[in-house]
Amino acid sequence: MADDRAKNVWTVFDPDGRISMSNKVFDDPDGRYGKVLAEREMNFVNHGGRSHANPGKHFVWKGRVEEMPKMPISINKVRIAVGENDAAKITGIPKGAEIVVTAHGYPDVLWHTVEETGAAELSVPAPGAYLVTITRMPFRQWRCIVSAAA
């Protein structure tokens, strides 16, 4: 006997396909949950399945929940010397990707840009660990820690 609960996995997403919520709804034979989402003018899909969509691994494309592809990014090194004479070179960045650099463990943004050339270099003026985060829909977010020493 098939499990009817598998038909009630509702996923809410923005116009770019980013998932903001995914719920498995039990005991909803007439689809009330979908009607509530429609009344609130939310973008949603009832994709069925046995599990929720994961906002970090999935996106919605043409009415289907799809797995996000990985970005073809590579970095030449994750340990650099402090100063302008050394840099970590990051390549394979999709055009329009957002790059954010923070001191690892701190929320303050040290560097923020939208990449248009497909590559970036990171050099830093002070020793520490720096978190590089690259985001571009529909790709999975790319993160790397670069350490800098004097």
C-alpha atoms as a PDB file:
ATOM      1  CA  MET A   1       0.000   0.000   0.000  1.00  0.00           C
ATOM      2  CA  ALA A   2       1.400   3.416  -0.987  1.00  0.00           C
ATOM      3  CA  ASP A   3       1.971   6.036   1.665  1.00  0.00           C
ATOM      4  CA  ASP A   4      -0.249   9.052   0.802  1.00  0.00           C
ATOM      5  CA  ARG A   5       1.859  11.259   3.079  1.00  0.00           C
ATOM      6  CA  ALA A   6       4.592  11.226   0.436  1.00  0.00           C
ATOM      7  CA  LYS A   7       2.324  13.370  -1.787  1.00  0.00           C
ATOM      8  CA  ASN A   8       2.298  16.271   0.667  1.00  0.00           C
ATOM      9  CA  VAL A   9       5.752  17.803   0.660  1.00  0.00           C
ATOM     10  CA  TRP A  10       5.248  21.517   0.009  1.00  0.00           C
ATOM     11  CA  THR A  11       8.180  23.756  -0.879  1.00  0.00           C
ATOM     12  CA  VAL A  12       8.038  27.559  -0.969  1.00  0.00           C
ATOM     13  CA  PHE A  13      10.537  29.445  -3.153  1.00  0.00           C
ATOM     14  CA  ASP A  14      11.378  32.923  -4.437  1.00  0.00           C
ATOM     15  CA  PRO A  15      11.331  33.991  -8.127  1.00  0.00           C
ATOM     16  CA  ASP A  16      14.977  32.869  -8.521  1.00  0.00           C
ATOM     17  CA  GLY A  17      14.152  29.378  -7.233  1.00  0.00           C
ATOM     18  CA  ARG A  18      15.707  29.834  -3.783  1.00  0.00           C
ATOM     19  CA  ILE A  19      13.894  27.676  -1.264  1.00  0.00           C
ATOM     20  CA  SER A  20      12.707  29.448   1.867  1.00  0.00           C
ATOM     21  CA  MET A  21      10.612  26.664   3.394  1.00  0.00           C
ATOM     22  CA  SER A  22       9.841  22.991   2.840  1.00  0.00           C
ATOM     23  CA  ASN A  23       7.202  21.147   4.864  1.00  0.00           C
ATOM     24  CA  LYS A  24       5.812  17.649   4.921  1.00  0.00           C
ATOM     25  CA  VAL A  25       2.108  17.982   5.735  1.00  0.00           C
ATOM     26  CA  PHE A  26       0.293  15.028   7.235  1.00  0.00           C
ATOM     27  CA  ASP A  27      -3.464  14.591   7.299  1.00  0.00           C
ATOM     28  CA  ASP A  28      -4.264  16.970   4.430  1.00  0.00           C
ATOM     29  CA  PRO A  29      -6.301  14.909   1.967  1.00  0.00           C
ATOM     30  CA  ASP A  30      -8.003  17.901   0.330  1.00  0.00           C
ATOM     31  CA  GLY A  31      -4.811  19.971  -0.107  1.00  0.00           C
ATOM     32  CA  ARG A  32      -5.763  22.751   2.342  1.00  0.00           C
ATOM     33  CA  TYR A  33      -2.124  23.626   2.891  1.00  0.00           C
ATOM     34  CA  GLY A  34      -1.631  24.408  -0.800  1.00  0.00           C
ATOM     35  CA  LYS A  35      -4.752  26.576  -0.777  1.00  0.00           C
ATOM     36  CA  VAL A  36      -3.355  28.591   2.148  1.00  0.00           C
ATOM     37  CA  LEU A  37      -0.067  29.131   0.274  1.00  0.00           C
ATOM     38  CA  ALA A  38      -1.972  30.220  -2.842  1.00  0.00           C
ATOM     39  CA  GLU A  39      -4.121  32.664  -0.831  1.00  0.00           C
ATOM     40  CA  ARG A  40      -0.928  34.236   0.473  1.00  0.00           C
ATOM     41  CA  GLU A  41       0.370  34.527  -3.109  1.00  0.00           C
ATOM     42  CA  MET A  42       3.460  32.448  -2.365  1.00  0.00           C
ATOM     43  CA  ASN A  43       5.435  30.584  -5.035  1.00  0.00           C
ATOM     44  CA  PHE A  44       5.235  26.914  -4.126  1.00  0.00           C
ATOM     45  CA  VAL A  45       5.335  23.402  -5.469  1.00  0.00           C
ATOM     46  CA  ASN A  46       3.994  20.157  -4.031  1.00  0.00           C
ATOM     47  CA  HIS A  47       6.829  17.880  -5.084  1.00  0.00           C
ATOM     48  CA  GLY A  48       5.914  14.744  -3.214  1.00  0.00           C
ATOM     49  CA  GLY A  49       8.743  12.545  -2.108  1.00  0.00           C
ATOM     50  CA  ARG A  50       9.663  11.306   1.318  1.00  0.00           C
ATOM     51  CA  SER A  51      11.899  14.169   2.405  1.00  0.00           C
ATOM     52  CA  HIS A  52      11.985  17.936   2.531  1.00  0.00           C
ATOM     53  CA  ALA A  53      13.835  20.025   0.010  1.00  0.00           C
ATOM     54  CA  ASN A  54      17.088  21.301   1.492  1.00  0.00           C
ATOM     55  CA  PRO A  55      17.624  25.052   0.850  1.00  0.00           C
ATOM     56  CA  GLY A  56      21.404  24.537   0.671  1.00  0.00           C
ATOM     57  CA  LYS A  57      21.238  21.631  -1.781  1.00  0.00           C
ATOM     58  CA  HIS A  58      18.068  22.153  -3.835  1.00  0.00           C
ATOM     59  CA  PHE A  59      16.270  24.830  -5.827  1.00  0.00           C
ATOM     60  CA  VAL A  60      13.022  24.971  -7.793  1.00  0.00           C
ATOM     61  CA  TRP A  61      13.239  25.002 -11.580  1.00  0.00           C
ATOM     62  CA  LYS A  62      10.236  24.771 -13.924  1.00  0.00           C
ATOM     63  CA  GLY A  63       7.987  23.489 -11.147  1.00  0.00           C
ATOM     64  CA  ARG A  64      10.369  20.779  -9.988  1.00  0.00           C
ATOM     65  CA  VAL A  65      12.738  20.530  -7.053  1.00  0.00           C
ATOM     66  CA  GLU A  66      16.217  20.000  -8.489  1.00  0.00           C
ATOM     67  CA  GLU A  67      19.619  19.428  -6.929  1.00  0.00           C
ATOM     68  CA  MET A  68      21.881  22.488  -7.090  1.00  0.00           C
ATOM     69  CA  PRO A  69      25.006  21.950  -9.197  1.00  0.00           C
ATOM     70  CA  LYS A  70      28.392  22.660  -7.659  1.00  0.00           C
ATOM     71  CA  MET A  71      30.300  25.679  -8.952  1.00  0.00           C
ATOM     72  CA  PRO A  72      33.412  24.780 -10.971  1.00  0.00           C
ATOM     73  CA  ILE A  73      35.580  26.835  -8.616  1.00  0.00           C
ATOM     74  CA  SER A  74      39.180  26.092  -7.728  1.00  0.00           C
ATOM     75  CA  ILE A  75      41.647  27.879  -5.471  1.00  0.00           C
ATOM     76  CA  ASN A  76      45.418  27.644  -5.891  1.00  0.00           C
ATOM     77  CA  LYS A  77      46.239  27.790  -2.152  1.00  0.00           C
ATOM     78  CA  VAL A  78      44.601  28.256   1.232  1.00  0.00           C
ATOM     79  CA  ARG A  79      47.677  29.567   3.089  1.00  0.00           C
ATOM     80  CA  ILE A  80      49.080  32.931   2.097  1.00  0.00           C
ATOM     81  CA  ALA A  81      51.559  35.446   3.436  1.00  0.00           C
ATOM     82  CA  VAL A  82      50.258  38.766   4.729  1.00  0.00           C
ATOM     83  CA  GLY A  83      50.625  41.671   2.295  1.00  0.00           C
ATOM     84  CA  GLU A  84      50.195  42.422  -1.376  1.00  0.00           C
ATOM     85  CA  ASN A  85      53.057  40.143  -2.491  1.00  0.00           C
ATOM     86  CA  ASP A  86      51.031  36.961  -2.016  1.00  0.00           C
ATOM     87  CA  ALA A  87      47.440  36.077  -2.898  1.00  0.00           C
ATOM     88  CA  ALA A  88      45.078  33.149  -3.163  1.00  0.00           C
ATOM     89  CA  LYS A  89      43.811  32.912  -6.740  1.00  0.00           C
ATOM     90  CA  ILE A  90      40.233  31.698  -7.191  1.00  0.00           C
ATOM     91  CA  THR A  91      39.100  30.663 -10.687  1.00  0.00           C
ATOM     92  CA  GLY A  92      35.968  29.208 -12.274  1.00  0.00           C
ATOM     93  CA  ILE A  93      33.662  31.736 -10.616  1.00  0.00           C
ATOM     94  CA  PRO A  94      30.336  32.033 -12.484  1.00  0.00           C
ATOM     95  CA  LYS A  95      29.621  35.484 -13.887  1.00  0.00           C
ATOM     96  CA  GLY A  96      27.465  37.497 -11.503  1.00  0.00           C
ATOM     97  CA  ALA A  97      28.505  35.520  -8.422  1.00  0.00           C
ATOM     98  CA  GLU A  98      28.608  37.395  -5.130  1.00  0.00           C
ATOM     99  CA  ILE A  99      31.889  37.131  -3.212  1.00  0.00           C
ATOM    100  CA  VAL A 100      31.944  37.912   0.498  1.00  0.00           C
ATOM    101  CA  VAL A 101      35.030  37.752   2.729  1.00  0.00           C
ATOM    102  CA  THR A 102      34.802  37.861   6.528  1.00  0.00           C
ATOM    103  CA  ALA A 103      37.262  37.206   9.310  1.00  0.00           C
ATOM    104  CA  HIS A 104      36.475  33.571  10.158  1.00  0.00           C
ATOM    105  CA  GLY A 105      34.064  33.503  13.096  1.00  0.00           C
ATOM    106  CA  TYR A 106      33.016  37.151  12.783  1.00  0.00           C
ATOM    107  CA  PRO A 107      29.966  38.494  10.922  1.00  0.00           C
ATOM    108  CA  ASP A 108      31.474  41.794   9.717  1.00  0.00           C
ATOM    109  CA  VAL A 109      32.034  41.855   5.957  1.00  0.00           C
ATOM    110  CA  LEU A 110      35.580  42.823   5.007  1.00  0.00           C
ATOM    111  CA  TRP A 111      35.170  42.562   1.249  1.00  0.00           C
ATOM    112  CA  HIS A 112      32.091  42.240  -0.940  1.00  0.00           C
ATOM    113  CA  THR A 113      31.878  42.237  -4.723  1.00  0.00           C
ATOM    114  CA  VAL A 114      29.978  40.793  -7.655  1.00  0.00           C
ATOM    115  CA  GLU A 115      32.407  38.966  -9.924  1.00  0.00           C
ATOM    116  CA  GLU A 116      32.240  39.519 -13.684  1.00  0.00           C
ATOM    117  CA  THR A 117      35.575  38.114 -14.886  1.00  0.00           C
ATOM    118  CA  GLY A 118      35.463  34.536 -13.579  1.00  0.00           C
ATOM    119  CA  ALA A 119      38.445  34.959 -11.265  1.00  0.00           C
ATOM    120  CA  ALA A 120      39.446  36.770  -8.076  1.00  0.00           C
ATOM    121  CA  GLU A 121      42.522  37.197  -5.907  1.00  0.00           C
ATOM    122  CA  LEU A 122      42.605  37.503  -2.134  1.00  0.00           C
ATOM    123  CA  SER A 123      45.476  39.225  -0.369  1.00  0.00           C
ATOM    124  CA  VAL A 124      45.117  40.520   3.180  1.00  0.00           C
ATOM    125  CA  PRO A 125      46.880  43.120   5.349  1.00  0.00           C
ATOM    126  CA  ALA A 126      46.678  41.261   8.681  1.00  0.00           C
ATOM    127  CA  PRO A 127      47.281  37.707   9.907  1.00  0.00           C
ATOM    128  CA  GLY A 128      44.209  35.570  10.520  1.00  0.00           C
ATOM    129  CA  ALA A 129      41.730  33.143   9.050  1.00  0.00           C
ATOM    130  CA  TYR A 130      39.417  34.510   6.374  1.00  0.00           C
ATOM    131  CA  LEU A 131      36.177  32.905   5.218  1.00  0.00           C
ATOM    132  CA  VAL A 132      35.524  33.298   1.491  1.00  0.00           C
ATOM    133  CA  THR A 133      31.895  32.678   0.487  1.00  0.00           C
ATOM    134  CA  ILE A 134      30.773  32.669  -3.155  1.00  0.00           C
ATOM    135  CA  THR A 135      27.053  32.605  -3.966  1.00  0.00           C
ATOM    136  CA  ARG A 136      25.260  32.421  -7.324  1.00  0.00           C
ATOM    137  CA  MET A 137      21.888  30.850  -8.035  1.00  0.00           C
ATOM    138  CA  PRO A 138      21.251  28.110  -8.960  1.00  0.00           C
ATOM    139  CA  PHE A 139      24.629  26.823  -7.724  1.00  0.00           C
ATOM    140  CA  ARG A 140      25.502  25.511  -4.293  1.00  0.00           C
ATOM    141  CA  GLN A 141      27.267  28.031  -2.143  1.00  0.00           C
ATOM    142  CA  TRP A 142      31.072  27.679  -2.186  1.00  0.00           C
ATOM    143  CA  ARG A 143      33.043  28.341   1.016  1.00  0.00           C
ATOM    144  CA  CYS A 144      36.729  28.168   1.867  1.00  0.00           C
ATOM    145  CA  ILE A 145      38.926  29.329   4.729  1.00  0.00           C
ATOM    146  CA  VAL A 146      42.156  31.055   3.742  1.00  0.00           C
ATOM    147  CA  SER A 147      44.817  31.478   6.439  1.00  0.00           C
ATOM    148  CA  ALA A 148      47.264  34.380   6.372  1.00  0.00           C
ATOM    149  CA  ALA A 149      50.485  34.557   8.373  1.00  0.00           C
ATOM    150  CA  ALA A 150      53.209  37.168   8.687  1.00  0.00           C
END
